[in-house]
Amino acid sequence: MRSVTKRLVSFMKAEDGPTAVEYAVMLALIVVVCIAAITTLGGNANSTFSFVGSSIKPTGS
């Protein structure tokens, strides 16, 4: 029984699990920020190209 208690205490003291969770949360936040930035930039680029496309007068025939 004593060895089980020692293993449980050493498991609770180990910081590998919480560190992995912290990295996962940071990665998730970075992904959310990247998606938001790409969505915003994509919308701005789309409106810019639409404006330029409608401003150009067709030439030729």
N, C-alpha and C. Protein backbone atom coordinates (compact mmCIF):
# COMPACT_ATOMS: atom_id res chain seq x y z
N MET A 1 0.83 -1.20 0.00
CA MET A 1 0.00 0.00 0.00
C MET A 1 0.87 1.25 0.00
N ARG A 2 2.01 1.16 0.66
CA ARG A 2 2.90 2.31 0.75
C ARG A 2 3.46 2.69 -0.63
N SER A 3 3.76 1.69 -1.46
CA SER A 3 4.31 1.98 -2.79
C SER A 3 3.25 2.64 -3.68
N VAL A 4 1.99 2.25 -3.51
CA VAL A 4 0.91 2.89 -4.27
C VAL A 4 0.79 4.35 -3.87
N THR A 5 0.88 4.62 -2.59
CA THR A 5 0.81 6.00 -2.11
C THR A 5 1.98 6.82 -2.63
N LYS A 6 3.18 6.24 -2.64
CA LYS A 6 4.35 6.96 -3.17
C LYS A 6 4.18 7.26 -4.65
N ARG A 7 3.67 6.29 -5.38
CA ARG A 7 3.46 6.52 -6.82
C ARG A 7 2.41 7.60 -7.06
N LEU A 8 1.36 7.58 -6.27
CA LEU A 8 0.31 8.59 -6.42
C LEU A 8 0.84 9.98 -6.10
N VAL A 9 1.65 10.10 -5.05
CA VAL A 9 2.22 11.39 -4.68
C VAL A 9 3.19 11.87 -5.76
N SER A 10 4.01 10.98 -6.29
CA SER A 10 4.95 11.39 -7.33
C SER A 10 4.21 11.77 -8.61
N PHE A 11 3.10 11.08 -8.90
CA PHE A 11 2.28 11.45 -10.06
C PHE A 11 1.67 12.83 -9.89
N MET A 12 1.20 13.13 -8.70
CA MET A 12 0.59 14.44 -8.45
C MET A 12 1.63 15.56 -8.49
N LYS A 13 2.88 15.26 -8.13
CA LYS A 13 3.93 16.27 -8.15
C LYS A 13 4.48 16.50 -9.54
N ALA A 14 4.37 15.51 -10.41
CA ALA A 14 4.90 15.64 -11.77
C ALA A 14 4.14 16.74 -12.51
N GLU A 15 4.87 17.53 -13.27
CA GLU A 15 4.26 18.65 -13.99
C GLU A 15 4.16 18.39 -15.48
N ASP A 16 4.34 17.17 -15.91
CA ASP A 16 4.25 16.87 -17.34
C ASP A 16 2.84 17.05 -17.88
N GLY A 17 1.86 16.59 -17.15
CA GLY A 17 0.47 16.70 -17.60
C GLY A 17 0.00 18.14 -17.70
N PRO A 18 0.12 18.93 -16.64
CA PRO A 18 -0.31 20.33 -16.74
C PRO A 18 0.46 21.12 -17.80
N THR A 19 1.73 20.80 -17.98
CA THR A 19 2.50 21.51 -19.00
C THR A 19 1.95 21.21 -20.39
N ALA A 20 1.61 19.96 -20.64
CA ALA A 20 1.04 19.59 -21.93
C ALA A 20 -0.30 20.29 -22.15
N VAL A 21 -1.09 20.40 -21.10
CA VAL A 21 -2.38 21.08 -21.21
C VAL A 21 -2.17 22.57 -21.48
N GLU A 22 -1.20 23.17 -20.83
CA GLU A 22 -0.92 24.58 -21.07
C GLU A 22 -0.49 24.81 -22.51
N TYR A 23 0.37 23.93 -23.03
CA TYR A 23 0.79 24.07 -24.42
C TYR A 23 -0.39 23.89 -25.37
N ALA A 24 -1.28 22.98 -25.06
CA ALA A 24 -2.45 22.77 -25.91
C ALA A 24 -3.36 24.00 -25.91
N VAL A 25 -3.53 24.61 -24.75
CA VAL A 25 -4.36 25.82 -24.67
C VAL A 25 -3.71 26.96 -25.44
N MET A 26 -2.39 27.12 -25.30
CA MET A 26 -1.69 28.18 -26.04
C MET A 26 -1.81 27.94 -27.54
N LEU A 27 -1.65 26.70 -27.97
CA LEU A 27 -1.76 26.38 -29.39
C LEU A 27 -3.16 26.68 -29.90
N ALA A 28 -4.18 26.34 -29.12
CA ALA A 28 -5.55 26.62 -29.52
C ALA A 28 -5.79 28.12 -29.66
N LEU A 29 -5.27 28.90 -28.73
CA LEU A 29 -5.43 30.35 -28.81
C LEU A 29 -4.71 30.93 -30.02
N ILE A 30 -3.53 30.42 -30.32
CA ILE A 30 -2.79 30.88 -31.50
C ILE A 30 -3.55 30.55 -32.77
N VAL A 31 -4.14 29.36 -32.83
CA VAL A 31 -4.91 28.97 -34.01
C VAL A 31 -6.12 29.88 -34.17
N VAL A 32 -6.80 30.19 -33.07
CA VAL A 32 -7.97 31.08 -33.14
C VAL A 32 -7.57 32.46 -33.64
N VAL A 33 -6.47 32.99 -33.14
CA VAL A 33 -6.00 34.31 -33.57
C VAL A 33 -5.62 34.28 -35.05
N CYS A 34 -4.96 33.23 -35.49
CA CYS A 34 -4.58 33.12 -36.90
C CYS A 34 -5.81 33.04 -37.80
N ILE A 35 -6.80 32.27 -37.41
CA ILE A 35 -8.02 32.17 -38.21
C ILE A 35 -8.73 33.51 -38.28
N ALA A 36 -8.80 34.21 -37.16
CA ALA A 36 -9.44 35.53 -37.15
C ALA A 36 -8.69 36.51 -38.04
N ALA A 37 -7.36 36.49 -37.99
CA ALA A 37 -6.57 37.41 -38.81
C ALA A 37 -6.73 37.08 -40.29
N ILE A 38 -6.69 35.81 -40.63
CA ILE A 38 -6.84 35.42 -42.04
C ILE A 38 -8.23 35.77 -42.55
N THR A 39 -9.25 35.59 -41.74
CA THR A 39 -10.61 35.94 -42.14
C THR A 39 -10.73 37.45 -42.38
N THR A 40 -10.16 38.23 -41.47
CA THR A 40 -10.23 39.69 -41.62
C THR A 40 -9.46 40.15 -42.85
N LEU A 41 -8.24 39.64 -43.02
CA LEU A 41 -7.46 40.03 -44.18
C LEU A 41 -8.10 39.57 -45.47
N GLY A 42 -8.71 38.39 -45.46
CA GLY A 42 -9.40 37.89 -46.65
C GLY A 42 -10.58 38.77 -47.03
N GLY A 43 -11.33 39.22 -46.03
CA GLY A 43 -12.46 40.12 -46.30
C GLY A 43 -11.99 41.45 -46.85
N ASN A 44 -10.91 41.98 -46.28
CA ASN A 44 -10.37 43.26 -46.78
C ASN A 44 -9.83 43.11 -48.19
N ALA A 45 -9.14 42.02 -48.47
CA ALA A 45 -8.61 41.79 -49.81
C ALA A 45 -9.74 41.62 -50.81
N ASN A 46 -10.78 40.92 -50.42
CA ASN A 46 -11.92 40.73 -51.32
C ASN A 46 -12.58 42.05 -51.67
N SER A 47 -12.79 42.90 -50.67
CA SER A 47 -13.42 44.19 -50.95
C SER A 47 -12.51 45.08 -51.79
N THR A 48 -11.20 45.02 -51.56
CA THR A 48 -10.26 45.81 -52.35
C THR A 48 -10.27 45.36 -53.80
N PHE A 49 -10.19 44.06 -54.03
CA PHE A 49 -10.21 43.56 -55.41
C PHE A 49 -11.54 43.85 -56.09
N SER A 50 -12.63 43.77 -55.36
CA SER A 50 -13.94 44.09 -55.94
C SER A 50 -14.00 45.56 -56.34
N PHE A 51 -13.48 46.44 -55.47
CA PHE A 51 -13.47 47.87 -55.78
C PHE A 51 -12.62 48.16 -57.00
N VAL A 52 -11.42 47.59 -57.05
CA VAL A 52 -10.53 47.81 -58.19
C VAL A 52 -11.15 47.22 -59.46
N GLY A 53 -11.75 46.05 -59.35
CA GLY A 53 -12.37 45.43 -60.52
C GLY A 53 -13.53 46.23 -61.06
N SER A 54 -14.29 46.85 -60.19
CA SER A 54 -15.43 47.65 -60.67
C SER A 54 -14.96 49.03 -61.16
N SER A 55 -13.79 49.49 -60.74
CA SER A 55 -13.27 50.79 -61.17
C SER A 55 -12.62 50.73 -62.53
N ILE A 56 -12.13 49.57 -62.93
CA ILE A 56 -11.45 49.45 -64.22
C ILE A 56 -12.50 49.44 -65.33
N LYS A 57 -12.29 50.31 -66.29
CA LYS A 57 -13.21 50.37 -67.43
C LYS A 57 -12.74 49.39 -68.49
N PRO A 58 -13.64 48.59 -69.00
CA PRO A 58 -13.24 47.64 -70.03
C PRO A 58 -12.81 48.37 -71.31
N THR A 59 -11.77 47.88 -71.91
CA THR A 59 -11.29 48.45 -73.16
C THR A 59 -11.33 47.38 -74.24
N GLY A 60 -11.18 47.76 -75.44
CA GLY A 60 -11.16 46.79 -76.53
C GLY A 60 -12.39 46.93 -77.39
N SER A 61 -13.11 45.85 -77.52
CA SER A 61 -14.25 45.83 -78.43
C SER A 61 -15.30 46.71 -77.88
